[in-house]
Amino acid sequence: LFLEYVGGDIRVMLEKGSKAPCEASHICTTIKNNQKSISLRVLRGPTASKTLHLAKITVSGIPPAPAGGPQIKITISVTKEGDIFLRGLNTNPSKKVTIRKS
């Protein structure tokens, strides 16, 4: 599973073949002064260039701060049933997306 940030930066969160249940977290930050939100896409595929878009999450309510200041923790969890949970935590409230296995 991959996270894609605005601008096309991609972060591998869970490697192919990871055994469920599993979880991975990443700390991201803002790229502009006083940025109020961060949008990310969750992608799945064998490589970063061959992916399937699963979901989008926007973490909002980020307090005003210089670029690079806020620390936002993004966590992806996969249950043994194959459900994917995505959480973006900064201050309050947390955002949660559930992707059901089809």
PDB file of N, CA and C in Angstrom:
ATOM      1  N   LEU A   1       0.852  -1.176   0.000  1.00  0.00           N
ATOM      2  CA  LEU A   1       0.000   0.000   0.000  1.00  0.00           C
ATOM      3  C   LEU A   1       0.892   1.231   0.000  1.00  0.00           C
ATOM      4  N   PHE A   2       0.470   2.230  -0.728  1.00  0.00           N
ATOM      5  CA  PHE A   2       1.215   3.469  -0.863  1.00  0.00           C
ATOM      6  C   PHE A   2       0.354   4.645  -0.424  1.00  0.00           C
ATOM      7  N   LEU A   3       0.983   5.723   0.018  1.00  0.00           N
ATOM      8  CA  LEU A   3       0.331   7.014   0.219  1.00  0.00           C
ATOM      9  C   LEU A   3       0.891   7.955  -0.824  1.00  0.00           C
ATOM     10  N   GLU A   4       0.016   8.720  -1.475  1.00  0.00           N
ATOM     11  CA  GLU A   4       0.459   9.727  -2.429  1.00  0.00           C
ATOM     12  C   GLU A   4       0.060  11.095  -1.902  1.00  0.00           C
ATOM     13  N   TYR A   5       1.044  11.974  -1.804  1.00  0.00           N
ATOM     14  CA  TYR A   5       0.827  13.339  -1.340  1.00  0.00           C
ATOM     15  C   TYR A   5       0.587  14.253  -2.527  1.00  0.00           C
ATOM     16  N   VAL A   6       0.049  15.444  -2.268  1.00  0.00           N
ATOM     17  CA  VAL A   6      -0.092  16.463  -3.300  1.00  0.00           C
ATOM     18  C   VAL A   6       1.274  16.684  -3.923  1.00  0.00           C
ATOM     19  N   GLY A   7       1.326  16.751  -5.237  1.00  0.00           N
ATOM     20  CA  GLY A   7       2.602  16.921  -5.917  1.00  0.00           C
ATOM     21  C   GLY A   7       3.176  15.613  -6.422  1.00  0.00           C
ATOM     22  N   GLY A   8       2.538  14.482  -6.072  1.00  0.00           N
ATOM     23  CA  GLY A   8       2.953  13.195  -6.602  1.00  0.00           C
ATOM     24  C   GLY A   8       3.975  12.431  -5.786  1.00  0.00           C
ATOM     25  N   ASP A   9       4.390  12.954  -4.629  1.00  0.00           N
ATOM     26  CA  ASP A   9       5.315  12.195  -3.781  1.00  0.00           C
ATOM     27  C   ASP A   9       4.607  10.946  -3.267  1.00  0.00           C
ATOM     28  N   ILE A  10       5.311   9.814  -3.323  1.00  0.00           N
ATOM     29  CA  ILE A  10       4.721   8.546  -2.908  1.00  0.00           C
ATOM     30  C   ILE A  10       5.541   7.947  -1.777  1.00  0.00           C
ATOM     31  N   ARG A  11       4.833   7.417  -0.788  1.00  0.00           N
ATOM     32  CA  ARG A  11       5.465   6.783   0.371  1.00  0.00           C
ATOM     33  C   ARG A  11       4.942   5.355   0.485  1.00  0.00           C
ATOM     34  N   VAL A  12       5.828   4.365   0.443  1.00  0.00           N
ATOM     35  CA  VAL A  12       5.419   2.973   0.638  1.00  0.00           C
ATOM     36  C   VAL A  12       5.090   2.792   2.113  1.00  0.00           C
ATOM     37  N   MET A  13       3.886   2.295   2.378  1.00  0.00           N
ATOM     38  CA  MET A  13       3.463   2.079   3.763  1.00  0.00           C
ATOM     39  C   MET A  13       3.568   0.599   4.145  1.00  0.00           C
ATOM     40  N   LEU A  14       3.046  -0.276   3.317  1.00  0.00           N
ATOM     41  CA  LEU A  14       3.117  -1.710   3.578  1.00  0.00           C
ATOM     42  C   LEU A  14       3.642  -2.401   2.321  1.00  0.00           C
ATOM     43  N   GLU A  15       4.692  -3.177   2.486  1.00  0.00           N
ATOM     44  CA  GLU A  15       5.313  -3.883   1.369  1.00  0.00           C
ATOM     45  C   GLU A  15       4.418  -5.015   0.877  1.00  0.00           C
ATOM     46  N   LYS A  16       4.553  -5.355  -0.390  1.00  0.00           N
ATOM     47  CA  LYS A  16       3.855  -6.500  -0.957  1.00  0.00           C
ATOM     48  C   LYS A  16       4.218  -7.742  -0.141  1.00  0.00           C
ATOM     49  N   GLY A  17       3.217  -8.548   0.160  1.00  0.00           N
ATOM     50  CA  GLY A  17       3.453  -9.767   0.922  1.00  0.00           C
ATOM     51  C   GLY A  17       3.361  -9.592   2.426  1.00  0.00           C
ATOM     52  N   SER A  18       3.060  -8.369   2.886  1.00  0.00           N
ATOM     53  CA  SER A  18       2.891  -8.164   4.335  1.00  0.00           C
ATOM     54  C   SER A  18       1.745  -9.031   4.830  1.00  0.00           C
ATOM     55  N   LYS A  19       1.949  -9.705   5.937  1.00  0.00           N
ATOM     56  CA  LYS A  19       0.937 -10.601   6.502  1.00  0.00           C
ATOM     57  C   LYS A  19      -0.015  -9.814   7.400  1.00  0.00           C
ATOM     58  N   ALA A  20      -1.311  -9.966   7.130  1.00  0.00           N
ATOM     59  CA  ALA A  20      -2.320  -9.309   7.951  1.00  0.00           C
ATOM     60  C   ALA A  20      -2.577 -10.132   9.199  1.00  0.00           C
ATOM     61  N   PRO A  21      -2.901  -9.541  10.305  1.00  0.00           N
ATOM     62  CA  PRO A  21      -3.077  -8.101  10.501  1.00  0.00           C
ATOM     63  C   PRO A  21      -1.723  -7.395  10.575  1.00  0.00           C
ATOM     64  N   CYS A  22      -1.710  -6.161  10.071  1.00  0.00           N
ATOM     65  CA  CYS A  22      -0.480  -5.364  10.115  1.00  0.00           C
ATOM     66  C   CYS A  22      -0.843  -3.880  10.146  1.00  0.00           C
ATOM     67  N   GLU A  23       0.147  -3.076  10.469  1.00  0.00           N
ATOM     68  CA  GLU A  23      -0.077  -1.639  10.611  1.00  0.00           C
ATOM     69  C   GLU A  23       1.226  -0.913  10.317  1.00  0.00           C
ATOM     70  N   ALA A  24       1.108   0.275   9.742  1.00  0.00           N
ATOM     71  CA  ALA A  24       2.277   1.124   9.493  1.00  0.00           C
ATOM     72  C   ALA A  24       1.870   2.574   9.698  1.00  0.00           C
ATOM     73  N   SER A  25       2.796   3.379  10.213  1.00  0.00           N
ATOM     74  CA  SER A  25       2.542   4.803  10.443  1.00  0.00           C
ATOM     75  C   SER A  25       3.637   5.628   9.788  1.00  0.00           C
ATOM     76  N   HIS A  26       3.277   6.857   9.469  1.00  0.00           N
ATOM     77  CA  HIS A  26       4.218   7.795   8.866  1.00  0.00           C
ATOM     78  C   HIS A  26       3.875   9.195   9.373  1.00  0.00           C
ATOM     79  N   ILE A  27       4.883   9.977   9.679  1.00  0.00           N
ATOM     80  CA  ILE A  27       4.674  11.372  10.082  1.00  0.00           C
ATOM     81  C   ILE A  27       4.880  12.248   8.855  1.00  0.00           C
ATOM     82  N   CYS A  28       3.861  13.032   8.526  1.00  0.00           N
ATOM     83  CA  CYS A  28       3.998  13.981   7.417  1.00  0.00           C
ATOM     84  C   CYS A  28       3.795  15.385   7.961  1.00  0.00           C
ATOM     85  N   THR A  29       4.047  16.366   7.121  1.00  0.00           N
ATOM     86  CA  THR A  29       3.938  17.750   7.558  1.00  0.00           C
ATOM     87  C   THR A  29       3.440  18.615   6.400  1.00  0.00           C
ATOM     88  N   THR A  30       3.306  19.885   6.649  1.00  0.00           N
ATOM     89  CA  THR A  30       2.811  20.821   5.644  1.00  0.00           C
ATOM     90  C   THR A  30       3.950  21.286   4.746  1.00  0.00           C
ATOM     91  N   ILE A  31       3.570  21.783   3.550  1.00  0.00           N
ATOM     92  CA  ILE A  31       4.570  22.307   2.621  1.00  0.00           C
ATOM     93  C   ILE A  31       4.437  23.821   2.428  1.00  0.00           C
ATOM     94  N   LYS A  32       3.370  24.401   2.997  1.00  0.00           N
ATOM     95  CA  LYS A  32       3.142  25.848   2.911  1.00  0.00           C
ATOM     96  C   LYS A  32       2.922  26.419   4.302  1.00  0.00           C
ATOM     97  N   ASN A  33       3.263  27.665   4.475  1.00  0.00           N
ATOM     98  CA  ASN A  33       2.961  28.359   5.728  1.00  0.00           C
ATOM     99  C   ASN A  33       1.449  28.404   5.931  1.00  0.00           C
ATOM    100  N   ASN A  34       1.002  28.182   7.159  1.00  0.00           N
ATOM    101  CA  ASN A  34      -0.411  28.282   7.544  1.00  0.00           C
ATOM    102  C   ASN A  34      -1.335  27.347   6.762  1.00  0.00           C
ATOM    103  N   GLN A  35      -0.811  26.235   6.287  1.00  0.00           N
ATOM    104  CA  GLN A  35      -1.610  25.244   5.564  1.00  0.00           C
ATOM    105  C   GLN A  35      -2.619  24.635   6.529  1.00  0.00           C
ATOM    106  N   LYS A  36      -3.899  24.594   6.118  1.00  0.00           N
ATOM    107  CA  LYS A  36      -4.969  24.157   7.009  1.00  0.00           C
ATOM    108  C   LYS A  36      -5.331  22.682   6.863  1.00  0.00           C
ATOM    109  N   SER A  37      -4.896  22.040   5.762  1.00  0.00           N
ATOM    110  CA  SER A  37      -5.242  20.634   5.542  1.00  0.00           C
ATOM    111  C   SER A  37      -4.182  19.945   4.687  1.00  0.00           C
ATOM    112  N   ILE A  38      -4.204  18.614   4.732  1.00  0.00           N
ATOM    113  CA  ILE A  38      -3.338  17.781   3.900  1.00  0.00           C
ATOM    114  C   ILE A  38      -4.223  16.724   3.268  1.00  0.00           C
ATOM    115  N   SER A  39      -4.105  16.536   1.944  1.00  0.00           N
ATOM    116  CA  SER A  39      -4.853  15.501   1.242  1.00  0.00           C
ATOM    117  C   SER A  39      -3.898  14.403   0.792  1.00  0.00           C
ATOM    118  N   LEU A  40      -4.320  13.166   0.983  1.00  0.00           N
ATOM    119  CA  LEU A  40      -3.529  11.998   0.612  1.00  0.00           C
ATOM    120  C   LEU A  40      -4.414  11.004  -0.118  1.00  0.00           C
ATOM    121  N   ARG A  41      -3.813  10.256  -1.035  1.00  0.00           N
ATOM    122  CA  ARG A  41      -4.530   9.157  -1.685  1.00  0.00           C
ATOM    123  C   ARG A  41      -3.887   7.850  -1.251  1.00  0.00           C
ATOM    124  N   VAL A  42      -4.714   6.835  -1.062  1.00  0.00           N
ATOM    125  CA  VAL A  42      -4.225   5.497  -0.746  1.00  0.00           C
ATOM    126  C   VAL A  42      -4.246   4.702  -2.045  1.00  0.00           C
ATOM    127  N   LEU A  43      -3.109   4.111  -2.367  1.00  0.00           N
ATOM    128  CA  LEU A  43      -2.961   3.348  -3.600  1.00  0.00           C
ATOM    129  C   LEU A  43      -2.501   1.938  -3.268  1.00  0.00           C
ATOM    130  N   ARG A  44      -2.878   0.990  -4.113  1.00  0.00           N
ATOM    131  CA  ARG A  44      -2.438  -0.391  -3.945  1.00  0.00           C
ATOM    132  C   ARG A  44      -1.975  -0.903  -5.298  1.00  0.00           C
ATOM    133  N   GLY A  45      -0.877  -1.632  -5.294  1.00  0.00           N
ATOM    134  CA  GLY A  45      -0.390  -2.219  -6.528  1.00  0.00           C
ATOM    135  C   GLY A  45       0.965  -2.859  -6.353  1.00  0.00           C
ATOM    136  N   PRO A  46       1.420  -3.546  -7.383  1.00  0.00           N
ATOM    137  CA  PRO A  46       2.698  -4.239  -7.298  1.00  0.00           C
ATOM    138  C   PRO A  46       3.890  -3.289  -7.268  1.00  0.00           C
ATOM    139  N   THR A  47       3.724  -2.126  -7.886  1.00  0.00           N
ATOM    140  CA  THR A  47       4.764  -1.100  -7.873  1.00  0.00           C
ATOM    141  C   THR A  47       4.084   0.258  -7.782  1.00  0.00           C
ATOM    142  N   ALA A  48       4.862   1.285  -7.468  1.00  0.00           N
ATOM    143  CA  ALA A  48       4.289   2.634  -7.364  1.00  0.00           C
ATOM    144  C   ALA A  48       3.737   3.119  -8.697  1.00  0.00           C
ATOM    145  N   SER A  49       4.267   2.627  -9.817  1.00  0.00           N
ATOM    146  CA  SER A  49       3.800   3.092 -11.126  1.00  0.00           C
ATOM    147  C   SER A  49       2.566   2.336 -11.634  1.00  0.00           C
ATOM    148  N   LYS A  50       2.252   1.178 -11.045  1.00  0.00           N
ATOM    149  CA  LYS A  50       1.087   0.381 -11.454  1.00  0.00           C
ATOM    150  C   LYS A  50       0.164   0.234 -10.255  1.00  0.00           C
ATOM    151  N   THR A  51      -0.689   1.235 -10.043  1.00  0.00           N
ATOM    152  CA  THR A  51      -1.474   1.252  -8.818  1.00  0.00           C
ATOM    153  C   THR A  51      -2.964   1.366  -9.065  1.00  0.00           C
ATOM    154  N   LEU A  52      -3.717   1.010  -8.049  1.00  0.00           N
ATOM    155  CA  LEU A  52      -5.164   1.150  -8.021  1.00  0.00           C
ATOM    156  C   LEU A  52      -5.499   2.133  -6.910  1.00  0.00           C
ATOM    157  N   HIS A  53      -6.288   3.167  -7.233  1.00  0.00           N
ATOM    158  CA  HIS A  53      -6.694   4.160  -6.231  1.00  0.00           C
ATOM    159  C   HIS A  53      -7.757   3.546  -5.340  1.00  0.00           C
ATOM    160  N   LEU A  54      -7.505   3.537  -4.022  1.00  0.00           N
ATOM    161  CA  LEU A  54      -8.456   2.959  -3.071  1.00  0.00           C
ATOM    162  C   LEU A  54      -9.271   4.007  -2.334  1.00  0.00           C
ATOM    163  N   ALA A  55      -8.646   5.096  -1.935  1.00  0.00           N
ATOM    164  CA  ALA A  55      -9.351   6.099  -1.137  1.00  0.00           C
ATOM    165  C   ALA A  55      -8.558   7.396  -1.103  1.00  0.00           C
ATOM    166  N   LYS A  56      -9.230   8.446  -0.675  1.00  0.00           N
ATOM    167  CA  LYS A  56      -8.596   9.741  -0.444  1.00  0.00           C
ATOM    168  C   LYS A  56      -8.958  10.172   0.970  1.00  0.00           C
ATOM    169  N   ILE A  57      -8.014  10.746   1.667  1.00  0.00           N
ATOM    170  CA  ILE A  57      -8.279  11.273   2.999  1.00  0.00           C
ATOM    171  C   ILE A  57      -7.748  12.696   3.053  1.00  0.00           C
ATOM    172  N   THR A  58      -8.530  13.578   3.665  1.00  0.00           N
ATOM    173  CA  THR A  58      -8.092  14.938   3.916  1.00  0.00           C
ATOM    174  C   THR A  58      -8.084  15.149   5.419  1.00  0.00           C
ATOM    175  N   VAL A  59      -6.921  15.479   5.943  1.00  0.00           N
ATOM    176  CA  VAL A  59      -6.783  15.801   7.357  1.00  0.00           C
ATOM    177  C   VAL A  59      -6.865  17.317   7.451  1.00  0.00           C
ATOM    178  N   SER A  60      -7.903  17.824   8.100  1.00  0.00           N
ATOM    179  CA  SER A  60      -8.108  19.269   8.184  1.00  0.00           C
ATOM    180  C   SER A  60      -8.032  19.724   9.632  1.00  0.00           C
ATOM    181  N   GLY A  61      -8.134  21.032   9.815  1.00  0.00           N
ATOM    182  CA  GLY A  61      -8.084  21.586  11.161  1.00  0.00           C
ATOM    183  C   GLY A  61      -6.666  21.738  11.687  1.00  0.00           C
ATOM    184  N   ILE A  62      -5.695  21.803  10.771  1.00  0.00           N
ATOM    185  CA  ILE A  62      -4.309  21.982  11.194  1.00  0.00           C
ATOM    186  C   ILE A  62      -4.139  23.432  11.645  1.00  0.00           C
ATOM    187  N   PRO A  63      -3.642  23.680  12.845  1.00  0.00           N
ATOM    188  CA  PRO A  63      -3.470  25.048  13.324  1.00  0.00           C
ATOM    189  C   PRO A  63      -2.424  25.804  12.500  1.00  0.00           C
ATOM    190  N   PRO A  64      -2.570  27.130  12.369  1.00  0.00           N
ATOM    191  CA  PRO A  64      -1.595  27.916  11.611  1.00  0.00           C
ATOM    192  C   PRO A  64      -0.180  27.724  12.156  1.00  0.00           C
ATOM    193  N   ALA A  65       0.757  27.488  11.231  1.00  0.00           N
ATOM    194  CA  ALA A  65       2.152  27.277  11.612  1.00  0.00           C
ATOM    195  C   ALA A  65       3.022  27.417  10.374  1.00  0.00           C
ATOM    196  N   PRO A  66       4.312  27.661  10.551  1.00  0.00           N
ATOM    197  CA  PRO A  66       5.220  27.699   9.400  1.00  0.00           C
ATOM    198  C   PRO A  66       5.272  26.335   8.703  1.00  0.00           C
ATOM    199  N   ALA A  67       5.577  26.339   7.417  1.00  0.00           N
ATOM    200  CA  ALA A  67       5.723  25.102   6.658  1.00  0.00           C
ATOM    201  C   ALA A  67       6.694  24.169   7.360  1.00  0.00           C
ATOM    202  N   GLY A  68       6.336  22.898   7.407  1.00  0.00           N
ATOM    203  CA  GLY A  68       7.192  21.899   8.030  1.00  0.00           C
ATOM    204  C   GLY A  68       7.017  21.782   9.534  1.00  0.00           C
ATOM    205  N   GLY A  69       6.198  22.639  10.125  1.00  0.00           N
ATOM    206  CA  GLY A  69       6.030  22.627  11.578  1.00  0.00           C
ATOM    207  C   GLY A  69       5.072  21.572  12.085  1.00  0.00           C
ATOM    208  N   PRO A  70       3.823  21.529  11.577  1.00  0.00           N
ATOM    209  CA  PRO A  70       2.872  20.552  12.101  1.00  0.00           C
ATOM    210  C   PRO A  70       3.324  19.120  11.819  1.00  0.00           C
ATOM    211  N   GLN A  71       3.118  18.245  12.780  1.00  0.00           N
ATOM    212  CA  GLN A  71       3.439  16.822  12.635  1.00  0.00           C
ATOM    213  C   GLN A  71       2.123  16.044  12.608  1.00  0.00           C
ATOM    214  N   ILE A  72       1.789  15.468  11.458  1.00  0.00           N
ATOM    215  CA  ILE A  72       0.545  14.733  11.297  1.00  0.00           C
ATOM    216  C   ILE A  72       0.870  13.258  11.124  1.00  0.00           C
ATOM    217  N   LYS A  73       0.329  12.430  12.006  1.00  0.00           N
ATOM    218  CA  LYS A  73       0.591  10.990  11.944  1.00  0.00           C
ATOM    219  C   LYS A  73      -0.488  10.315  11.109  1.00  0.00           C
ATOM    220  N   ILE A  74      -0.060   9.603  10.065  1.00  0.00           N
ATOM    221  CA  ILE A  74      -0.959   8.849   9.205  1.00  0.00           C
ATOM    222  C   ILE A  74      -0.702   7.371   9.483  1.00  0.00           C
ATOM    223  N   THR A  75      -1.760   6.613   9.796  1.00  0.00           N
ATOM    224  CA  THR A  75      -1.626   5.194  10.104  1.00  0.00           C
ATOM    225  C   THR A  75      -2.539   4.384   9.188  1.00  0.00           C
ATOM    226  N   ILE A  76      -1.980   3.334   8.590  1.00  0.00           N
ATOM    227  CA  ILE A  76      -2.758   2.377   7.802  1.00  0.00           C
ATOM    228  C   ILE A  76      -2.731   1.053   8.544  1.00  0.00           C
ATOM    229  N   SER A  77      -3.922   0.473   8.760  1.00  0.00           N
ATOM    230  CA  SER A  77      -4.055  -0.831   9.411  1.00  0.00           C
ATOM    231  C   SER A  77      -4.808  -1.766   8.468  1.00  0.00           C
ATOM    232  N   VAL A  78      -4.376  -3.020   8.402  1.00  0.00           N
ATOM    233  CA  VAL A  78      -5.066  -4.037   7.613  1.00  0.00           C
ATOM    234  C   VAL A  78      -5.450  -5.161   8.566  1.00  0.00           C
ATOM    235  N   THR A  79      -6.749  -5.499   8.573  1.00  0.00           N
ATOM    236  CA  THR A  79      -7.222  -6.585   9.430  1.00  0.00           C
ATOM    237  C   THR A  79      -6.955  -7.924   8.750  1.00  0.00           C
ATOM    238  N   LYS A  80      -7.072  -9.012   9.505  1.00  0.00           N
ATOM    239  CA  LYS A  80      -6.848 -10.322   8.900  1.00  0.00           C
ATOM    240  C   LYS A  80      -7.935 -10.665   7.883  1.00  0.00           C
ATOM    241  N   GLU A  81      -9.089  -9.967   7.941  1.00  0.00           N
ATOM    242  CA  GLU A  81     -10.153 -10.150   6.946  1.00  0.00           C
ATOM    243  C   GLU A  81      -9.877  -9.351   5.674  1.00  0.00           C
ATOM    244  N   GLY A  82      -8.861  -8.492   5.700  1.00  0.00           N
ATOM    245  CA  GLY A  82      -8.497  -7.720   4.520  1.00  0.00           C
ATOM    246  C   GLY A  82      -9.052  -6.312   4.480  1.00  0.00           C
ATOM    247  N   ASP A  83      -9.761  -5.886   5.536  1.00  0.00           N
ATOM    248  CA  ASP A  83     -10.257  -4.515   5.589  1.00  0.00           C
ATOM    249  C   ASP A  83      -9.088  -3.584   5.884  1.00  0.00           C
ATOM    250  N   ILE A  84      -9.117  -2.419   5.264  1.00  0.00           N
ATOM    251  CA  ILE A  84      -8.046  -1.435   5.418  1.00  0.00           C
ATOM    252  C   ILE A  84      -8.603  -0.226   6.157  1.00  0.00           C
ATOM    253  N   PHE A  85      -7.916   0.194   7.210  1.00  0.00           N
ATOM    254  CA  PHE A  85      -8.293   1.376   7.976  1.00  0.00           C
ATOM    255  C   PHE A  85      -7.196   2.415   7.825  1.00  0.00           C
ATOM    256  N   LEU A  86      -7.583   3.643   7.546  1.00  0.00           N
ATOM    257  CA  LEU A  86      -6.646   4.748   7.377  1.00  0.00           C
ATOM    258  C   LEU A  86      -7.033   5.838   8.356  1.00  0.00           C
ATOM    259  N   ARG A  87      -6.070   6.269   9.188  1.00  0.00           N
ATOM    260  CA  ARG A  87      -6.334   7.319  10.166  1.00  0.00           C
ATOM    261  C   ARG A  87      -5.313   8.425   9.996  1.00  0.00           C
ATOM    262  N   GLY A  88      -5.798   9.638  10.018  1.00  0.00           N
ATOM    263  CA  GLY A  88      -4.923  10.810  10.014  1.00  0.00           C
ATOM    264  C   GLY A  88      -5.128  11.557  11.302  1.00  0.00           C
ATOM    265  N   LEU A  89      -4.094  11.683  12.099  1.00  0.00           N
ATOM    266  CA  LEU A  89      -4.210  12.312  13.407  1.00  0.00           C
ATOM    267  C   LEU A  89      -3.379  13.575  13.464  1.00  0.00           C
ATOM    268  N   ASN A  90      -3.968  14.650  13.881  1.00  0.00           N
ATOM    269  CA  ASN A  90      -3.180  15.845  14.183  1.00  0.00           C
ATOM    270  C   ASN A  90      -3.636  16.335  15.544  1.00  0.00           C
ATOM    271  N   THR A  91      -4.609  17.170  15.591  1.00  0.00           N
ATOM    272  CA  THR A  91      -5.082  17.624  16.893  1.00  0.00           C
ATOM    273  C   THR A  91      -6.430  16.978  17.173  1.00  0.00           C
ATOM    274  N   ASN A  92      -7.491  17.525  16.621  1.00  0.00           N
ATOM    275  CA  ASN A  92      -8.808  16.995  16.890  1.00  0.00           C
ATOM    276  C   ASN A  92      -9.748  17.422  15.779  1.00  0.00           C
ATOM    277  N   PRO A  93     -10.634  16.652  15.269  1.00  0.00           N
ATOM    278  CA  PRO A  93     -10.780  15.224  15.506  1.00  0.00           C
ATOM    279  C   PRO A  93      -9.899  14.429  14.546  1.00  0.00           C
ATOM    280  N   SER A  94      -9.771  13.123  14.765  1.00  0.00           N
ATOM    281  CA  SER A  94      -9.035  12.291  13.820  1.00  0.00           C
ATOM    282  C   SER A  94      -9.979  11.946  12.665  1.00  0.00           C
ATOM    283  N   LYS A  95      -9.415  11.666  11.516  1.00  0.00           N
ATOM    284  CA  LYS A  95     -10.192  11.247  10.345  1.00  0.00           C
ATOM    285  C   LYS A  95      -9.959   9.766  10.170  1.00  0.00           C
ATOM    286  N   LYS A  96     -10.987   9.045   9.768  1.00  0.00           N
ATOM    287  CA  LYS A  96     -10.856   7.603   9.588  1.00  0.00           C
ATOM    288  C   LYS A  96     -11.580   7.194   8.326  1.00  0.00           C
ATOM    289  N   VAL A  97     -10.936   6.379   7.499  1.00  0.00           N
ATOM    290  CA  VAL A  97     -11.530   5.842   6.288  1.00  0.00           C
ATOM    291  C   VAL A  97     -11.424   4.330   6.373  1.00  0.00           C
ATOM    292  N   THR A  98     -12.502   3.625   6.064  1.00  0.00           N
ATOM    293  CA  THR A  98     -12.487   2.158   6.026  1.00  0.00           C
ATOM    294  C   THR A  98     -12.676   1.725   4.582  1.00  0.00           C
ATOM    295  N   ILE A  99     -11.796   0.855   4.102  1.00  0.00           N
ATOM    296  CA  ILE A  99     -11.892   0.323   2.749  1.00  0.00           C
ATOM    297  C   ILE A  99     -12.201  -1.158   2.889  1.00  0.00           C
ATOM    298  N   ARG A 100     -13.378  -1.569   2.468  1.00  0.00           N
ATOM    299  CA  ARG A 100     -13.786  -2.964   2.602  1.00  0.00           C
ATOM    300  C   ARG A 100     -13.211  -3.785   1.455  1.00  0.00           C
ATOM    301  N   LYS A 101     -12.779  -4.992   1.783  1.00  0.00           N
ATOM    302  CA  LYS A 101     -12.254  -5.915   0.786  1.00  0.00           C
ATOM    303  C   LYS A 101     -13.422  -6.339  -0.115  1.00  0.00           C
ATOM    304  N   SER A 102     -13.175  -6.336  -1.440  1.00  0.00           N
ATOM    305  CA  SER A 102     -14.253  -6.741  -2.354  1.00  0.00           C
ATOM    306  C   SER A 102     -13.887  -7.971  -3.136  1.00  0.00           C
TER     307      SER A 102
END
